[in-house]
Amino acid sequence: MQITPPCVVSLTWRLEDAHGQLIDELAEPVEFFVGGDDLLAKVEESIVGQSEGFEATLHLEPEHAFGDYDADLVFFEERSVFPEHIEAGMQFDGPPEGTTTRDLPLDTVYTITEVYDSHVVLDGNHPLAGIALVLALKVRDVRAASDEEVEHGSVSTSALSVLSAVPPSPQLH
């Protein structure tokens, strides 16, 4: 089957930074919806028109991956705004309730990067923002998308994708 939106592809990949440092490796195939938000646009562009067995190595500059790093998305908040037990790496969908920093985007995932006695540092950038990436991928399978997948524009049972979402931990899938 040829990859044409809407459909579902199973992919494996190896993701490195531009210096060859391993960031993520997806050894077991994971399904992604083509024609929605499951994949970066450049990844989707590279596989459309291909079929099972297709392999490619993509060089993704920040503007084609997770954007440039935006220092305006890093801010300090009072420690008292947060629950008692927090640590670096914890994430909030939108700014935590009680934050005092103005004009923060509400549809951003914020990651705690540092915890101090009096304040907490939050970062709204994707962990891979500002980084050029090299993605070696292989299409393992292609299938028609279900009506539900087409309606949602996503494969609901898909594992977290480093290519679309903010990872919850250093392991990116």
C-alpha atoms as a PDB file:
ATOM      1  CA  MET A   1       0.000   0.000   0.000  1.00  0.00           C
ATOM      2  CA  GLN A   2       1.268   3.440  -0.893  1.00  0.00           C
ATOM      3  CA  ILE A   3       1.426   6.093   1.834  1.00  0.00           C
ATOM      4  CA  THR A   4      -1.264   8.682   1.118  1.00  0.00           C
ATOM      5  CA  PRO A   5      -3.181  10.719   3.698  1.00  0.00           C
ATOM      6  CA  PRO A   6      -5.171   9.593   5.552  1.00  0.00           C
ATOM      7  CA  CYS A   7      -3.432   6.360   6.466  1.00  0.00           C
ATOM      8  CA  VAL A   8      -1.429   4.869   9.318  1.00  0.00           C
ATOM      9  CA  VAL A   9       2.254   3.967   9.106  1.00  0.00           C
ATOM     10  CA  SER A  10       4.360   1.894  11.472  1.00  0.00           C
ATOM     11  CA  LEU A  11       7.838   3.363  11.861  1.00  0.00           C
ATOM     12  CA  THR A  12      11.131   2.588  13.510  1.00  0.00           C
ATOM     13  CA  TRP A  13      13.883   5.201  13.783  1.00  0.00           C
ATOM     14  CA  ARG A  14      17.125   6.419  15.240  1.00  0.00           C
ATOM     15  CA  LEU A  15      17.213  10.092  16.234  1.00  0.00           C
ATOM     16  CA  GLU A  16      20.517  11.885  16.804  1.00  0.00           C
ATOM     17  CA  ASP A  17      21.637  15.458  17.178  1.00  0.00           C
ATOM     18  CA  ALA A  18      23.821  16.971  14.450  1.00  0.00           C
ATOM     19  CA  HIS A  19      26.933  15.722  16.306  1.00  0.00           C
ATOM     20  CA  GLY A  20      25.831  12.085  16.239  1.00  0.00           C
ATOM     21  CA  GLN A  21      24.707  11.968  19.889  1.00  0.00           C
ATOM     22  CA  LEU A  22      21.841   9.472  20.259  1.00  0.00           C
ATOM     23  CA  ILE A  23      18.629  11.143  21.441  1.00  0.00           C
ATOM     24  CA  ASP A  24      16.085   8.399  20.871  1.00  0.00           C
ATOM     25  CA  GLU A  25      15.824   5.009  19.266  1.00  0.00           C
ATOM     26  CA  LEU A  26      12.528   3.409  18.392  1.00  0.00           C
ATOM     27  CA  ALA A  27      13.454  -0.229  17.713  1.00  0.00           C
ATOM     28  CA  GLU A  28       9.916  -1.650  17.807  1.00  0.00           C
ATOM     29  CA  PRO A  29       7.462  -0.254  15.241  1.00  0.00           C
ATOM     30  CA  VAL A  30       5.002   2.373  16.444  1.00  0.00           C
ATOM     31  CA  GLU A  31       1.961   3.559  14.483  1.00  0.00           C
ATOM     32  CA  PHE A  32       1.465   7.170  13.392  1.00  0.00           C
ATOM     33  CA  PHE A  33      -1.382   8.833  11.530  1.00  0.00           C
ATOM     34  CA  VAL A  34      -0.386  10.430   8.222  1.00  0.00           C
ATOM     35  CA  GLY A  35      -2.437  13.528   7.444  1.00  0.00           C
ATOM     36  CA  GLY A  36      -2.814  14.777  11.019  1.00  0.00           C
ATOM     37  CA  ASP A  37      -0.581  15.902  13.854  1.00  0.00           C
ATOM     38  CA  ASP A  38       1.279  12.681  14.703  1.00  0.00           C
ATOM     39  CA  LEU A  39       4.403  13.511  12.669  1.00  0.00           C
ATOM     40  CA  LEU A  40       6.531  16.534  11.873  1.00  0.00           C
ATOM     41  CA  ALA A  41       5.671  17.991   8.462  1.00  0.00           C
ATOM     42  CA  LYS A  42       9.124  17.191   6.997  1.00  0.00           C
ATOM     43  CA  VAL A  43       8.882  13.582   8.146  1.00  0.00           C
ATOM     44  CA  GLU A  44       5.423  13.239   6.638  1.00  0.00           C
ATOM     45  CA  GLU A  45       6.575  14.882   3.374  1.00  0.00           C
ATOM     46  CA  SER A  46       9.413  12.369   3.077  1.00  0.00           C
ATOM     47  CA  ILE A  47       7.206   9.285   3.413  1.00  0.00           C
ATOM     48  CA  VAL A  48       4.121  10.308   1.396  1.00  0.00           C
ATOM     49  CA  GLY A  49       4.120   8.387  -1.882  1.00  0.00           C
ATOM     50  CA  GLN A  50       6.385   5.667  -0.464  1.00  0.00           C
ATOM     51  CA  SER A  51       5.480   2.196   0.797  1.00  0.00           C
ATOM     52  CA  GLU A  52       6.509  -0.445   3.321  1.00  0.00           C
ATOM     53  CA  GLY A  53      10.286  -0.886   3.449  1.00  0.00           C
ATOM     54  CA  PHE A  54      11.075   2.742   2.576  1.00  0.00           C
ATOM     55  CA  GLU A  55      14.107   4.099   4.438  1.00  0.00           C
ATOM     56  CA  ALA A  56      15.376   7.660   4.673  1.00  0.00           C
ATOM     57  CA  THR A  57      17.801   9.779   6.645  1.00  0.00           C
ATOM     58  CA  LEU A  58      16.484  13.284   7.225  1.00  0.00           C
ATOM     59  CA  HIS A  59      18.491  16.291   8.359  1.00  0.00           C
ATOM     60  CA  LEU A  60      16.077  18.535  10.245  1.00  0.00           C
ATOM     61  CA  GLU A  61      17.019  22.101  11.141  1.00  0.00           C
ATOM     62  CA  PRO A  62      15.221  23.549  14.192  1.00  0.00           C
ATOM     63  CA  GLU A  63      12.649  25.380  12.050  1.00  0.00           C
ATOM     64  CA  HIS A  64      11.608  22.020  10.567  1.00  0.00           C
ATOM     65  CA  ALA A  65      11.665  20.168  13.867  1.00  0.00           C
ATOM     66  CA  PHE A  66      10.824  21.792  17.209  1.00  0.00           C
ATOM     67  CA  GLY A  67      11.582  25.431  16.470  1.00  0.00           C
ATOM     68  CA  ASP A  68      14.207  27.787  17.762  1.00  0.00           C
ATOM     69  CA  TYR A  69      14.802  28.054  21.483  1.00  0.00           C
ATOM     70  CA  ASP A  70      12.717  30.939  22.892  1.00  0.00           C
ATOM     71  CA  ALA A  71      14.202  32.453  26.053  1.00  0.00           C
ATOM     72  CA  ASP A  72      10.878  34.235  26.670  1.00  0.00           C
ATOM     73  CA  LEU A  73       9.354  30.839  27.510  1.00  0.00           C
ATOM     74  CA  VAL A  74      11.689  30.403  30.494  1.00  0.00           C
ATOM     75  CA  PHE A  75      10.525  32.056  33.714  1.00  0.00           C
ATOM     76  CA  PHE A  76      10.671  31.948  37.503  1.00  0.00           C
ATOM     77  CA  GLU A  77       7.677  31.318  39.742  1.00  0.00           C
ATOM     78  CA  GLU A  78       7.339  31.331  43.503  1.00  0.00           C
ATOM     79  CA  ARG A  79       7.953  27.920  45.053  1.00  0.00           C
ATOM     80  CA  SER A  80       4.690  28.275  47.020  1.00  0.00           C
ATOM     81  CA  VAL A  81       2.642  27.953  43.792  1.00  0.00           C
ATOM     82  CA  PHE A  82       3.678  24.305  43.430  1.00  0.00           C
ATOM     83  CA  PRO A  83       2.842  21.114  45.301  1.00  0.00           C
ATOM     84  CA  GLU A  84       5.233  20.116  48.074  1.00  0.00           C
ATOM     85  CA  HIS A  85       6.872  17.277  46.152  1.00  0.00           C
ATOM     86  CA  ILE A  86       8.173  18.504  42.809  1.00  0.00           C
ATOM     87  CA  GLU A  87      11.373  17.854  40.906  1.00  0.00           C
ATOM     88  CA  ALA A  88      13.133  18.820  37.715  1.00  0.00           C
ATOM     89  CA  GLY A  89      11.526  17.118  34.729  1.00  0.00           C
ATOM     90  CA  MET A  90       7.932  17.357  35.969  1.00  0.00           C
ATOM     91  CA  GLN A  91       5.569  18.945  33.463  1.00  0.00           C
ATOM     92  CA  PHE A  92       2.415  21.044  33.472  1.00  0.00           C
ATOM     93  CA  ASP A  93      -0.076  21.362  30.646  1.00  0.00           C
ATOM     94  CA  GLY A  94      -0.334  25.154  30.572  1.00  0.00           C
ATOM     95  CA  PRO A  95       1.045  27.408  33.291  1.00  0.00           C
ATOM     96  CA  PRO A  96       0.403  26.066  36.807  1.00  0.00           C
ATOM     97  CA  GLU A  97      -2.514  27.658  38.639  1.00  0.00           C
ATOM     98  CA  GLY A  98      -1.377  30.664  40.670  1.00  0.00           C
ATOM     99  CA  THR A  99       1.561  31.676  38.453  1.00  0.00           C
ATOM    100  CA  THR A 100       2.178  35.411  38.311  1.00  0.00           C
ATOM    101  CA  THR A 101       4.100  35.664  35.024  1.00  0.00           C
ATOM    102  CA  ARG A 102       1.866  37.481  32.542  1.00  0.00           C
ATOM    103  CA  ASP A 103       0.934  36.479  28.998  1.00  0.00           C
ATOM    104  CA  LEU A 104       2.125  32.880  29.148  1.00  0.00           C
ATOM    105  CA  PRO A 105       0.723  30.722  26.352  1.00  0.00           C
ATOM    106  CA  LEU A 106      -1.994  28.485  27.792  1.00  0.00           C
ATOM    107  CA  ASP A 107      -1.532  25.703  25.217  1.00  0.00           C
ATOM    108  CA  THR A 108       2.111  25.000  26.070  1.00  0.00           C
ATOM    109  CA  VAL A 109       3.596  22.208  28.160  1.00  0.00           C
ATOM    110  CA  TYR A 110       5.928  23.687  30.789  1.00  0.00           C
ATOM    111  CA  THR A 111       8.784  21.652  32.248  1.00  0.00           C
ATOM    112  CA  ILE A 112      10.353  22.276  35.639  1.00  0.00           C
ATOM    113  CA  THR A 113      14.067  22.656  34.957  1.00  0.00           C
ATOM    114  CA  GLU A 114      15.266  23.710  38.417  1.00  0.00           C
ATOM    115  CA  VAL A 115      13.820  23.790  41.944  1.00  0.00           C
ATOM    116  CA  TYR A 116      15.107  26.201  44.600  1.00  0.00           C
ATOM    117  CA  ASP A 117      13.884  26.981  48.119  1.00  0.00           C
ATOM    118  CA  SER A 118      12.209  30.221  47.031  1.00  0.00           C
ATOM    119  CA  HIS A 119      11.414  29.680  43.357  1.00  0.00           C
ATOM    120  CA  VAL A 120      11.046  27.228  40.493  1.00  0.00           C
ATOM    121  CA  VAL A 121      12.296  27.596  36.923  1.00  0.00           C
ATOM    122  CA  LEU A 122       9.796  26.626  34.211  1.00  0.00           C
ATOM    123  CA  ASP A 123      10.601  26.191  30.527  1.00  0.00           C
ATOM    124  CA  GLY A 124       7.913  26.172  27.834  1.00  0.00           C
ATOM    125  CA  ASN A 125      10.290  25.117  25.057  1.00  0.00           C
ATOM    126  CA  HIS A 126      10.190  21.604  23.650  1.00  0.00           C
ATOM    127  CA  PRO A 127      13.263  19.747  25.009  1.00  0.00           C
ATOM    128  CA  LEU A 128      14.619  19.530  21.443  1.00  0.00           C
ATOM    129  CA  ALA A 129      13.985  23.185  20.530  1.00  0.00           C
ATOM    130  CA  GLY A 130      16.972  24.842  18.873  1.00  0.00           C
ATOM    131  CA  ILE A 131      18.629  21.537  17.988  1.00  0.00           C
ATOM    132  CA  ALA A 132      19.388  20.309  14.471  1.00  0.00           C
ATOM    133  CA  LEU A 133      18.448  16.631  14.210  1.00  0.00           C
ATOM    134  CA  VAL A 134      19.274  13.613  12.075  1.00  0.00           C
ATOM    135  CA  LEU A 135      16.475  11.076  11.801  1.00  0.00           C
ATOM    136  CA  ALA A 136      17.048   7.687  10.189  1.00  0.00           C
ATOM    137  CA  LEU A 137      13.628   6.084   9.726  1.00  0.00           C
ATOM    138  CA  LYS A 138      12.139   2.967   8.195  1.00  0.00           C
ATOM    139  CA  VAL A 139       8.517   2.345   7.222  1.00  0.00           C
ATOM    140  CA  ARG A 140       7.603  -1.066   8.641  1.00  0.00           C
ATOM    141  CA  ASP A 141       3.933  -1.171   7.636  1.00  0.00           C
ATOM    142  CA  VAL A 142       1.168   0.907   6.028  1.00  0.00           C
ATOM    143  CA  ARG A 143      -2.558   0.462   6.550  1.00  0.00           C
ATOM    144  CA  ALA A 144      -5.795   2.328   5.959  1.00  0.00           C
ATOM    145  CA  ALA A 145      -6.817   4.620   8.808  1.00  0.00           C
ATOM    146  CA  SER A 146      -9.990   3.787  10.720  1.00  0.00           C
ATOM    147  CA  ASP A 147     -12.902   6.234  10.721  1.00  0.00           C
ATOM    148  CA  GLU A 148     -12.083   7.079  14.354  1.00  0.00           C
ATOM    149  CA  GLU A 149      -8.426   7.805  13.516  1.00  0.00           C
ATOM    150  CA  VAL A 150      -9.475  10.030  10.613  1.00  0.00           C
ATOM    151  CA  GLU A 151     -11.948  11.856  12.873  1.00  0.00           C
ATOM    152  CA  HIS A 152      -9.292  12.441  15.569  1.00  0.00           C
ATOM    153  CA  GLY A 153      -6.417  13.046  13.137  1.00  0.00           C
ATOM    154  CA  SER A 154      -4.287  10.745  15.255  1.00  0.00           C
ATOM    155  CA  VAL A 155      -3.651   7.138  16.191  1.00  0.00           C
ATOM    156  CA  SER A 156      -5.106   7.105  19.678  1.00  0.00           C
ATOM    157  CA  THR A 157      -3.174   4.012  20.775  1.00  0.00           C
ATOM    158  CA  SER A 158       0.168   5.350  19.541  1.00  0.00           C
ATOM    159  CA  ALA A 159       3.071   5.598  21.935  1.00  0.00           C
ATOM    160  CA  LEU A 160       4.209   9.118  22.744  1.00  0.00           C
ATOM    161  CA  SER A 161       6.012  10.525  19.750  1.00  0.00           C
ATOM    162  CA  VAL A 162       9.145  12.562  20.052  1.00  0.00           C
ATOM    163  CA  LEU A 163       8.219  13.802  16.610  1.00  0.00           C
ATOM    164  CA  SER A 164       5.035  15.481  17.777  1.00  0.00           C
ATOM    165  CA  ALA A 165       4.862  15.896  21.525  1.00  0.00           C
ATOM    166  CA  VAL A 166       6.835  16.885  24.550  1.00  0.00           C
ATOM    167  CA  PRO A 167       8.400  13.820  26.123  1.00  0.00           C
ATOM    168  CA  PRO A 168       7.667  13.162  29.800  1.00  0.00           C
ATOM    169  CA  SER A 169      11.163  11.942  30.590  1.00  0.00           C
ATOM    170  CA  PRO A 170      14.692  11.762  29.190  1.00  0.00           C
ATOM    171  CA  GLN A 171      13.597   8.645  27.309  1.00  0.00           C
ATOM    172  CA  LEU A 172      11.681  10.175  24.448  1.00  0.00           C
ATOM    173  CA  HIS A 173       9.184   7.461  23.582  1.00  0.00           C
END
